[in-house]
Protein backbone atom coordinates (compact mmCIF):
# COMPACT_ATOMS: atom_id res chain seq x y z
CA MET A 1 0.00 0.00 0.00
CA THR A 2 1.28 3.45 -0.82
CA ARG A 3 0.90 6.70 1.08
CA ARG A 4 0.71 10.17 -0.31
CA ARG A 5 2.56 13.14 1.07
CA SER A 6 0.46 15.47 3.17
CA SER A 7 -1.15 18.01 0.90
CA GLY A 8 -4.09 19.35 2.84
CA ALA A 9 -6.47 17.10 0.92
CA PRO A 10 -8.93 14.73 2.54
CA PRO A 11 -7.88 11.08 2.79
CA GLY A 12 -8.58 9.02 -0.31
CA ARG A 13 -8.69 12.06 -2.61
CA PRO A 14 -7.38 10.99 -6.05
CA ALA A 15 -3.94 12.35 -6.87
CA ALA A 16 -5.02 13.32 -10.38
CA ALA A 17 -7.78 15.51 -8.96
CA LEU A 18 -5.26 17.20 -6.69
CA ILE A 19 -2.93 17.85 -9.63
CA TRP A 20 -5.80 19.27 -11.65
CA GLY A 21 -6.87 21.53 -8.80
CA ARG A 22 -3.33 22.78 -8.22
CA PHE A 23 -2.83 23.32 -11.95
CA LYS A 24 -5.84 25.63 -12.13
CA ARG A 25 -4.91 27.47 -8.96
CA HIS A 26 -1.24 28.02 -9.75
CA PHE A 27 -1.71 28.60 -13.49
CA TRP A 28 -4.02 31.54 -12.95
CA GLY A 29 -3.07 32.35 -9.36
CA VAL A 30 -6.72 32.31 -8.28
CA LEU A 31 -7.99 31.34 -4.84
CA LEU A 32 -10.15 28.26 -5.40
CA ARG A 33 -11.40 25.73 -2.85
CA GLN A 34 -14.28 23.99 -4.64
CA ARG A 35 -13.78 20.31 -5.51
CA GLN A 36 -16.66 19.18 -7.78
CA ILE A 37 -16.36 20.09 -11.46
CA VAL A 38 -19.57 22.13 -11.82
CA PRO A 39 -18.98 24.17 -8.64
CA LYS A 40 -15.37 24.57 -9.78
CA VAL A 41 -16.43 26.18 -13.04
CA GLU A 42 -18.76 28.49 -11.18
CA ALA A 43 -16.03 29.29 -8.65
CA LEU A 44 -13.53 29.98 -11.46
CA VAL A 45 -15.86 32.57 -12.94
CA ALA A 46 -16.43 34.10 -9.51
CA ALA A 47 -12.66 34.10 -8.79
CA LEU A 48 -11.68 35.97 -11.95
CA PRO A 49 -11.11 39.22 -10.00
CA THR A 50 -8.36 37.46 -8.02
CA VAL A 51 -6.34 36.45 -11.09
CA ASN A 52 -2.62 37.03 -10.61
CA VAL A 53 -1.47 38.59 -13.86
CA ALA A 54 2.18 37.82 -13.14
CA ALA A 55 1.47 34.12 -12.46
CA ALA A 56 -0.63 33.84 -15.62
CA ALA A 57 2.14 35.52 -17.64
CA VAL A 58 4.79 33.16 -16.24
CA ALA A 59 2.64 30.12 -17.01
CA ALA A 60 1.82 31.28 -20.53
CA SER A 61 5.47 32.10 -21.21
CA GLY A 62 6.47 28.65 -19.92
CA ILE A 63 4.06 26.96 -22.32
CA ALA A 64 5.38 29.08 -25.20
CA VAL A 65 9.00 28.16 -24.37
CA ILE A 66 8.18 24.44 -24.20
CA VAL A 67 6.32 24.50 -27.52
CA LEU A 68 9.03 26.50 -29.30
CA VAL A 69 11.90 24.38 -27.99
CA ARG A 70 10.13 21.18 -29.00
CA ARG A 71 9.39 22.66 -32.39
CA PHE A 72 12.89 23.82 -33.29
CA GLN A 73 15.17 21.78 -30.96
CA PRO A 74 13.27 18.58 -30.10
CA HIS A 75 16.32 16.96 -28.45
CA TRP A 76 16.71 19.75 -25.89
CA PRO A 77 15.10 19.38 -22.42
CA ALA A 78 12.18 21.74 -23.03
CA PHE A 79 10.61 21.35 -19.58
CA LEU A 80 13.87 22.05 -17.77
CA ILE A 81 14.61 25.09 -19.93
CA ALA A 82 11.14 26.53 -19.30
CA VAL A 83 11.38 26.03 -15.54
CA VAL A 84 14.91 27.55 -15.35
CA LEU A 85 13.92 30.61 -17.40
CA ALA A 86 10.75 31.12 -15.33
CA SER A 87 12.73 30.85 -12.09
CA LEU A 88 15.31 33.38 -13.30
CA ALA A 89 12.62 35.78 -14.47
CA ALA A 90 10.64 35.54 -11.23
CA THR A 91 13.77 36.05 -9.09
CA LEU A 92 15.48 38.79 -11.08
CA LEU A 93 12.31 40.78 -11.80
CA GLY A 94 10.83 40.22 -8.34
CA LEU A 95 7.53 38.99 -9.70
CA PRO A 96 4.77 38.52 -7.11
CA VAL A 97 4.26 34.79 -7.72
CA GLU A 98 4.21 31.82 -5.38
CA THR A 99 7.26 29.56 -5.46
CA ILE A 100 8.01 26.18 -3.97
CA GLY A 101 9.86 27.94 -1.16
CA THR A 102 7.07 30.36 -0.27
CA ARG A 103 4.36 27.71 -0.56
CA PHE A 104 5.99 24.57 0.86
CA GLY A 105 9.21 25.77 2.46
CA GLY A 106 11.57 24.14 -0.03
CA LEU A 107 12.56 20.55 -0.77
CA PRO A 108 14.25 18.19 1.70
CA GLN A 109 17.92 17.44 1.09
CA ALA A 110 17.82 13.88 2.43
CA LEU A 111 15.67 10.81 2.13
CA PRO A 112 13.44 10.05 5.12
CA ALA A 113 14.16 6.94 7.14
CA PRO A 114 12.18 3.94 5.90
CA LYS A 115 9.33 2.83 8.13
CA LEU A 116 6.18 0.81 7.89
CA PRO A 117 2.96 2.84 7.78
CA THR A 118 0.49 2.51 10.61
CA LEU A 119 -2.24 0.18 9.42
CA PHE A 120 -5.77 -0.18 10.74
CA LEU A 121 -8.59 -2.31 9.40
CA ASP A 122 -10.92 0.65 8.89
CA LYS A 123 -8.17 2.50 7.02
CA LEU A 124 -7.51 -0.51 4.80
CA ILE A 125 -11.21 -0.78 3.93
CA ALA A 126 -11.41 2.96 3.25
CA VAL A 127 -8.46 3.11 0.86
CA LEU A 128 -9.02 -0.27 -0.85
CA PRO A 129 -11.12 1.11 -3.77
CA ALA A 130 -8.59 3.86 -4.43
CA ALA A 131 -5.70 1.39 -4.14
CA LEU A 132 -7.28 -0.96 -6.69
CA SER A 133 -7.95 1.94 -9.04
CA PHE A 134 -4.37 3.19 -8.82
CA ALA A 135 -3.02 -0.34 -9.30
CA LEU A 136 -5.12 -0.88 -12.44
CA LEU A 137 -4.39 2.57 -13.81
CA GLY A 138 -0.67 2.23 -13.06
CA ALA A 139 -0.44 -1.17 -14.72
CA ILE A 140 -2.29 0.00 -17.82
CA GLU A 141 -0.24 3.19 -18.07
CA SER A 142 3.06 1.35 -17.66
CA LEU A 143 2.24 -1.30 -20.25
CA LEU A 144 0.95 1.35 -22.65
CA SER A 145 4.20 3.28 -22.20
CA ALA A 146 6.15 0.09 -22.88
CA VAL A 147 4.17 -0.52 -26.10
CA VAL A 148 4.86 3.04 -27.24
CA ALA A 149 8.57 2.57 -26.50
CA ASP A 150 8.52 -0.71 -28.45
CA SER A 151 7.05 1.03 -31.49
CA MET A 152 9.75 3.70 -31.29
CA THR A 153 12.74 1.41 -30.68
CA GLY A 154 11.73 -1.77 -32.49
CA ARG A 155 12.25 -3.86 -29.35
CA ARG A 156 9.84 -5.96 -27.28
CA HIS A 157 9.23 -5.44 -23.58
CA ARG A 158 8.44 -8.11 -20.98
CA SER A 159 5.09 -7.34 -19.40
CA ASN A 160 5.59 -9.53 -16.32
CA ALA A 161 8.97 -7.96 -15.57
CA GLU A 162 7.52 -4.48 -16.04
CA LEU A 163 4.64 -5.02 -13.62
CA LEU A 164 6.80 -6.86 -11.07
CA ALA A 165 9.33 -4.02 -11.05
CA GLN A 166 6.54 -1.47 -10.69
CA GLY A 167 5.11 -3.34 -7.70
CA ILE A 168 8.49 -3.48 -5.98
CA ALA A 169 9.03 0.23 -6.68
CA ASN A 170 5.65 1.09 -5.15
CA ILE A 171 6.45 -0.91 -2.02
CA GLY A 172 9.80 0.86 -1.71
CA SER A 173 8.19 4.25 -2.34
CA ALA A 174 5.63 3.68 0.41
CA LEU A 175 8.36 2.74 2.90
CA PHE A 176 9.93 6.17 2.36
CA GLY A 177 6.63 8.05 2.53
CA GLY A 178 6.36 8.49 -1.25
CA ILE A 179 3.45 8.31 -3.64
CA CYS A 180 2.68 5.48 -6.07
CA VAL A 181 4.78 5.36 -9.23
CA THR A 182 4.13 4.24 -12.80
CA GLY A 183 5.65 4.47 -16.23
CA THR A 184 4.57 7.56 -18.18
CA ILE A 185 4.24 8.04 -21.90
CA ALA A 186 5.47 11.63 -21.86
CA ARG A 187 8.85 11.01 -20.23
CA THR A 188 9.32 7.62 -21.91
CA ALA A 189 8.81 9.11 -25.37
CA THR A 190 11.03 12.08 -24.52
CA ASN A 191 13.74 9.74 -23.26
CA VAL A 192 13.61 7.60 -26.41
CA ARG A 193 13.70 10.64 -28.69
CA ALA A 194 16.80 11.78 -26.83
CA GLY A 195 18.55 8.54 -27.79
CA ALA A 196 17.75 6.17 -24.91
CA ARG A 197 17.39 2.52 -25.91
CA GLY A 198 17.77 0.49 -22.71
CA PRO A 199 16.98 0.37 -18.97
CA VAL A 200 20.21 2.21 -18.10
CA ALA A 201 18.56 5.49 -19.12
CA GLY A 202 15.82 5.00 -16.54
CA MET A 203 18.35 4.15 -13.86
CA LEU A 204 20.39 7.26 -14.63
CA HIS A 205 17.20 9.31 -14.54
CA ALA A 206 16.59 8.15 -10.97
CA VAL A 207 20.23 8.87 -10.04
CA PHE A 208 20.01 12.39 -11.46
CA LEU A 209 16.84 13.07 -9.47
CA LEU A 210 18.55 11.87 -6.31
CA LEU A 211 21.60 14.07 -6.99
CA PHE A 212 19.34 17.03 -7.72
CA MET A 213 17.58 16.53 -4.39
CA LEU A 214 20.85 16.19 -2.46
CA VAL A 215 22.76 19.00 -4.18
CA ALA A 216 20.36 21.44 -5.80
CA ALA A 217 17.34 21.21 -3.48
CA PRO A 218 17.83 24.80 -2.19
CA LEU A 219 17.58 26.09 -5.78
CA ALA A 220 14.18 24.42 -6.17
CA SER A 221 12.78 26.92 -3.67
CA TYR A 222 12.96 29.58 -6.38
CA ILE A 223 10.84 27.63 -8.91
CA PRO A 224 7.49 29.39 -9.48
CA LEU A 225 4.46 27.20 -9.09
CA ALA A 226 3.10 28.83 -12.24
CA ALA A 227 6.01 27.33 -14.19
CA LEU A 228 5.18 23.88 -12.85
CA ALA A 229 1.55 24.51 -13.81
CA ALA A 230 2.73 25.22 -17.36
CA VAL A 231 4.59 21.91 -17.42
CA LEU A 232 1.46 20.11 -16.18
CA ALA A 233 -0.63 21.84 -18.85
CA VAL A 234 1.65 20.64 -21.65
CA VAL A 235 1.85 17.11 -20.23
CA ALA A 236 -1.94 16.95 -19.83
CA TRP A 237 -2.44 18.18 -23.40
CA ASN A 238 -0.03 15.59 -24.79
CA MET A 239 -1.61 12.79 -22.76
CA ALA A 240 -5.13 13.68 -23.89
CA GLU A 241 -4.55 11.71 -27.14
CA LYS A 242 -7.37 13.50 -28.96
CA HIS A 243 -7.03 11.43 -32.13
CA ALA A 244 -7.23 8.20 -30.14
CA PHE A 245 -10.33 9.54 -28.36
CA VAL A 246 -12.10 10.22 -31.66
CA THR A 247 -10.98 6.87 -33.08
CA LEU A 248 -12.36 4.94 -30.10
CA VAL A 249 -15.67 6.79 -30.28
CA ARG A 250 -15.98 5.87 -33.96
CA ALA A 251 -14.63 2.32 -33.58
CA SER A 252 -17.71 0.64 -32.13
CA ARG A 253 -20.73 1.40 -30.03
CA GLY A 254 -19.41 -0.67 -27.10
CA ASP A 255 -16.01 1.03 -27.04
CA ALA A 256 -17.68 4.44 -27.27
CA ILE A 257 -19.93 3.67 -24.30
CA VAL A 258 -17.01 2.48 -22.14
CA LEU A 259 -14.91 5.51 -23.08
CA LEU A 260 -17.63 8.12 -22.57
CA VAL A 261 -18.91 6.65 -19.31
CA THR A 262 -15.40 6.48 -17.88
CA PHE A 263 -14.57 9.98 -19.10
CA LEU A 264 -17.74 11.56 -17.71
CA LEU A 265 -17.44 9.80 -14.35
CA VAL A 266 -13.82 10.91 -13.96
CA VAL A 267 -14.71 14.50 -14.85
CA PHE A 268 -17.99 14.90 -12.98
CA ARG A 269 -17.66 12.36 -10.19
CA ASP A 270 -14.36 10.83 -9.15
CA LEU A 271 -11.26 9.20 -10.64
CA THR A 272 -11.71 6.03 -8.59
CA GLU A 273 -15.34 5.57 -9.60
CA GLY A 274 -14.54 6.24 -13.24
CA ILE A 275 -11.76 3.65 -13.39
CA LEU A 276 -13.71 0.93 -11.57
CA VAL A 277 -16.90 1.45 -13.60
CA GLY A 278 -14.93 1.65 -16.85
CA PHE A 279 -13.03 -1.51 -16.02
CA SER A 280 -16.25 -3.33 -15.20
CA LEU A 281 -17.94 -2.19 -18.41
CA GLY A 282 -14.86 -3.18 -20.40
CA ALA A 283 -14.91 -6.66 -18.84
CA LEU A 284 -18.60 -7.09 -19.65
CA LEU A 285 -18.00 -5.91 -23.21
CA PHE A 286 -15.15 -8.38 -23.57
CA LEU A 287 -17.32 -11.26 -22.31
CA HIS A 288 -20.08 -10.25 -24.71
CA ARG A 289 -17.71 -10.22 -27.67
CA MET A 290 -16.19 -13.54 -26.67
CA ALA A 291 -19.66 -15.06 -26.41
CA LEU A 292 -20.53 -13.83 -29.89
CA SER A 293 -17.31 -15.29 -31.28
CA VAL A 294 -18.30 -18.86 -30.37
CA GLU A 295 -19.88 -20.69 -33.33
CA VAL A 296 -21.48 -24.09 -33.81
CA ASP A 297 -21.21 -25.28 -37.40
CA SER A 298 -22.72 -28.37 -38.95
CA LEU A 299 -20.12 -30.21 -40.97
CA ARG A 300 -22.62 -32.32 -42.86
CA PRO A 301 -21.69 -32.91 -45.56
CA VAL A 302 -18.12 -33.25 -44.39
CA VAL A 303 -15.49 -32.66 -47.04
CA GLU A 304 -11.87 -32.92 -46.01
CA GLU A 305 -9.16 -30.78 -47.51
CA ASP A 306 -7.76 -32.66 -50.50
CA VAL A 307 -4.11 -33.60 -49.97
CA PRO A 308 -1.89 -36.10 -51.81
CA ASP A 309 -2.85 -39.71 -51.15
CA MET A 310 -0.74 -42.83 -50.77
CA ALA A 311 1.05 -42.00 -53.98
CA ASN A 312 3.49 -39.77 -52.15
CA GLY A 313 3.90 -42.15 -49.24
CA ASN A 314 2.09 -40.18 -46.55
CA GLY A 315 -0.07 -43.17 -45.59
CA ARG A 316 -3.36 -41.37 -46.06
CA PRO A 317 -6.02 -43.52 -47.76
CA PRO A 318 -7.73 -42.19 -50.89
CA TYR A 319 -10.61 -39.79 -50.34
CA ASP A 320 -13.80 -41.62 -49.45
CA PRO A 321 -16.88 -39.97 -51.04
CA LYS A 322 -19.11 -41.69 -48.45
CA LEU A 323 -17.69 -39.28 -45.88
CA ALA A 324 -19.74 -36.48 -47.37
CA THR A 325 -23.08 -38.31 -47.47
CA ASP A 326 -23.17 -40.51 -44.36
CA PRO A 327 -26.74 -40.13 -43.00
CA ASP A 328 -25.99 -41.98 -39.76
CA ILE A 329 -23.37 -39.52 -38.39
CA ALA A 330 -23.92 -35.87 -37.48
CA VAL A 331 -20.77 -33.79 -37.12
CA TYR A 332 -20.71 -30.42 -35.35
CA ARG A 333 -17.75 -28.15 -34.81
CA ILE A 334 -17.54 -25.65 -31.94
CA SER A 335 -15.05 -22.83 -32.41
CA GLY A 336 -13.98 -20.06 -30.04
CA ALA A 337 -13.59 -19.72 -26.28
CA PHE A 338 -16.41 -21.87 -24.87
CA PHE A 339 -17.43 -20.35 -21.52
CA PHE A 340 -20.56 -19.45 -19.58
CA GLY A 341 -21.33 -16.45 -21.77
CA ALA A 342 -21.66 -18.69 -24.85
CA ALA A 343 -23.06 -21.82 -23.20
CA ALA A 344 -26.69 -20.86 -23.73
CA GLY A 345 -26.16 -20.17 -27.43
CA VAL A 346 -24.32 -23.44 -28.01
CA ALA A 347 -26.96 -25.40 -26.08
CA ALA A 348 -29.70 -23.83 -28.20
CA ALA A 349 -27.82 -24.67 -31.39
CA LEU A 350 -27.40 -28.30 -30.33
CA ASP A 351 -31.05 -28.55 -29.27
CA ARG A 352 -32.14 -27.41 -32.73
CA ILE A 353 -30.74 -30.59 -34.28
CA GLY A 354 -33.76 -32.08 -36.05
CA GLU A 355 -32.42 -35.41 -37.25
CA HIS A 356 -31.73 -38.40 -35.02
CA PRO A 357 -28.55 -40.02 -36.32
CA LYS A 358 -26.92 -43.06 -34.80
CA ALA A 359 -23.77 -41.19 -33.82
CA TYR A 360 -22.70 -37.62 -33.07
CA VAL A 361 -19.21 -36.24 -33.49
CA ILE A 362 -18.44 -32.97 -31.69
CA ASP A 363 -15.24 -31.39 -32.95
CA VAL A 364 -13.69 -29.08 -30.35
CA SER A 365 -10.27 -28.71 -31.99
CA ALA A 366 -10.94 -24.96 -32.40
CA VAL A 367 -11.86 -24.47 -28.71
CA PRO A 368 -8.87 -23.06 -26.78
CA VAL A 369 -10.55 -22.92 -23.35
CA ILE A 370 -13.71 -24.27 -21.73
CA ASP A 371 -15.27 -23.63 -18.33
CA SER A 372 -17.59 -25.58 -16.05
CA THR A 373 -20.82 -24.19 -17.51
CA ALA A 374 -19.76 -25.08 -21.04
CA ALA A 375 -18.67 -28.57 -19.97
CA ALA A 376 -22.04 -29.07 -18.30
CA THR A 377 -23.70 -28.10 -21.60
CA ILE A 378 -21.77 -30.82 -23.44
CA GLU A 379 -22.59 -33.32 -20.68
CA GLY A 380 -26.30 -32.53 -21.03
CA PHE A 381 -26.10 -33.08 -24.78
CA VAL A 382 -24.39 -36.44 -24.19
CA ARG A 383 -27.21 -37.55 -21.87
CA LYS A 384 -29.78 -36.51 -24.46
CA ALA A 385 -27.96 -38.49 -27.14
CA ARG A 386 -27.87 -41.60 -24.91
CA ARG A 387 -31.64 -41.41 -24.47
CA GLN A 388 -31.85 -41.55 -28.27
CA SER A 389 -29.50 -44.58 -28.30
CA ALA A 390 -26.86 -42.56 -30.17
CA SER A 391 -23.16 -42.59 -29.44
CA VAL A 392 -21.12 -39.42 -28.99
CA TYR A 393 -17.51 -38.83 -29.98
CA VAL A 394 -15.46 -35.78 -29.03
CA SER A 395 -12.56 -35.04 -31.37
CA GLY A 396 -9.60 -32.70 -31.17
CA ALA A 397 -9.92 -31.87 -27.46
CA ARG A 398 -6.81 -30.22 -26.05
CA PRO A 399 -5.47 -31.63 -22.75
CA ALA A 400 -6.93 -28.80 -20.66
CA VAL A 401 -10.30 -28.99 -22.44
CA ARG A 402 -10.42 -32.77 -22.12
CA ARG A 403 -9.60 -32.56 -18.42
CA VAL A 404 -12.54 -30.22 -17.76
CA LEU A 405 -14.91 -32.41 -19.79
CA LEU A 406 -13.85 -35.54 -17.93
CA THR A 407 -14.35 -33.80 -14.61
CA HIS A 408 -17.95 -32.95 -15.54
CA GLY A 409 -18.92 -36.45 -16.62
CA VAL A 410 -18.16 -36.36 -20.33
CA ARG A 411 -16.31 -39.67 -20.28
CA PRO A 412 -16.51 -43.25 -21.50
CA PRO A 413 -18.75 -45.14 -21.91
CA HIS A 414 -21.15 -42.24 -22.52
CA ALA A 415 -18.73 -40.27 -24.69
CA ARG A 416 -15.46 -41.24 -26.34
CA PHE A 417 -12.49 -39.06 -27.21
CA ARG A 418 -10.48 -39.17 -30.42
CA THR A 419 -7.50 -37.09 -31.39
CA LYS A 420 -8.63 -36.25 -34.92
CA LEU A 421 -11.95 -35.79 -36.65
CA THR A 422 -11.23 -38.59 -39.12
CA GLU A 423 -10.48 -40.98 -36.27
CA ALA A 424 -13.78 -40.12 -34.58
CA LEU A 425 -15.66 -40.66 -37.87
CA ASP A 426 -13.98 -44.03 -38.43
CA ALA A 427 -14.75 -45.14 -34.87
CA ALA A 428 -18.40 -44.08 -35.18
CA ARG A 429 -18.72 -45.85 -38.53
CA ARG A 430 -17.21 -49.07 -37.15
CA ASN A 431 -19.48 -48.91 -34.14
CA ILE A 432 -22.56 -48.57 -36.34
CA LYS A 433 -21.55 -51.34 -38.74
CA GLY A 434 -20.67 -53.67 -35.91
CA SER A 435 -24.26 -54.14 -34.77
CA GLY A 436 -26.39 -52.84 -37.57
CA GLU A 437 -27.92 -50.40 -35.09
CA LEU A 438 -25.69 -49.32 -32.27
CA ALA A 439 -23.07 -51.41 -30.63
CA PRO A 440 -22.39 -51.06 -26.91
CA PRO A 441 -19.96 -48.20 -26.38
CA ASP A 442 -16.35 -49.18 -26.06
CA SER A 443 -14.18 -47.88 -23.27
CA ALA A 444 -11.58 -46.20 -25.45
């Protein structure tokens, strides 16, 4: 669990909301204490007489410097240049703006001693929703940053290593009283554009920050908060990803609903609620799409792909035309992830079978995963087939799929497994010919 530095905010207040509130206050220099978005807009209008012209000028100039440096010298540290110039201007000209020193008393020049936070059950319950939201958001942001870095460098990241390292870093940060950490697109992309290609760049970045805190912390007292607000404004604008927003809205109705609901909840309600609701809607949308992807196809008539016969020595017998017109065997293929969301549809498709053949072959070679509900659906179909004195063969089941089916009663003598579809068809045909009607099921 991570702890935030004291900032005068109520416990559990999302860090992003605090950043947004400080950005508006320090960018314009207004006195604002409202927290909800609609009252904030009203308070901004009412607070216009308190605008600090000097703070607004410093912030606007900082944005202009960042944009111009990135435009003409993209490899230069635009943020650092803007902050240094704003600090020099505020100090030399004596501008009436708040700085880190006047607002917070400067930065510490040493790391605090590590210690475990005081934990109580009521506190754990209170911060659990926010902790889950930050964990999800941090994981998504870090992996997204890694994907962006991959596209820029041509390399491939390791997702498990990325998330494990982030978890360890968050534990270490909390022990020193720090806030939660995550990979960020803005600094990752800037680092790559500057020539970084490996993890050493990130390590050096951390070392430089430590040296800056130990050596140059007194200088940070002269940094205007308006300059930091300008940096936040540029970072927020770059992270908005306006083109991606429009693309997702146009992509599909489901994606648009998830995006807009999450966006509106974050803006008008709370970051934690927005992330949790958006994640839940995304999971439901995923399950719905997976359920729609499952198909049940009738393979009657069955026609195998024509490949060279015994002439080339592969041992395959010549194509048997009876395979396509066998009235005693019904073959059905299930494809896609077979889980509870698709079980009802598959059961309905199997129940619509009008004919009563002497044998059924269910091909599950295209089923990567199956859950208990889906296995119970197959078991119910097997019982129905037995009441009709028909045998059932399951072909192409992967080890994991076969294990779940066996656990739920889809096993000999009621159902028999074969590795390939052709093997299941041959076994069903032999079984039918052996008795003229239906031979007793074998135990294979």
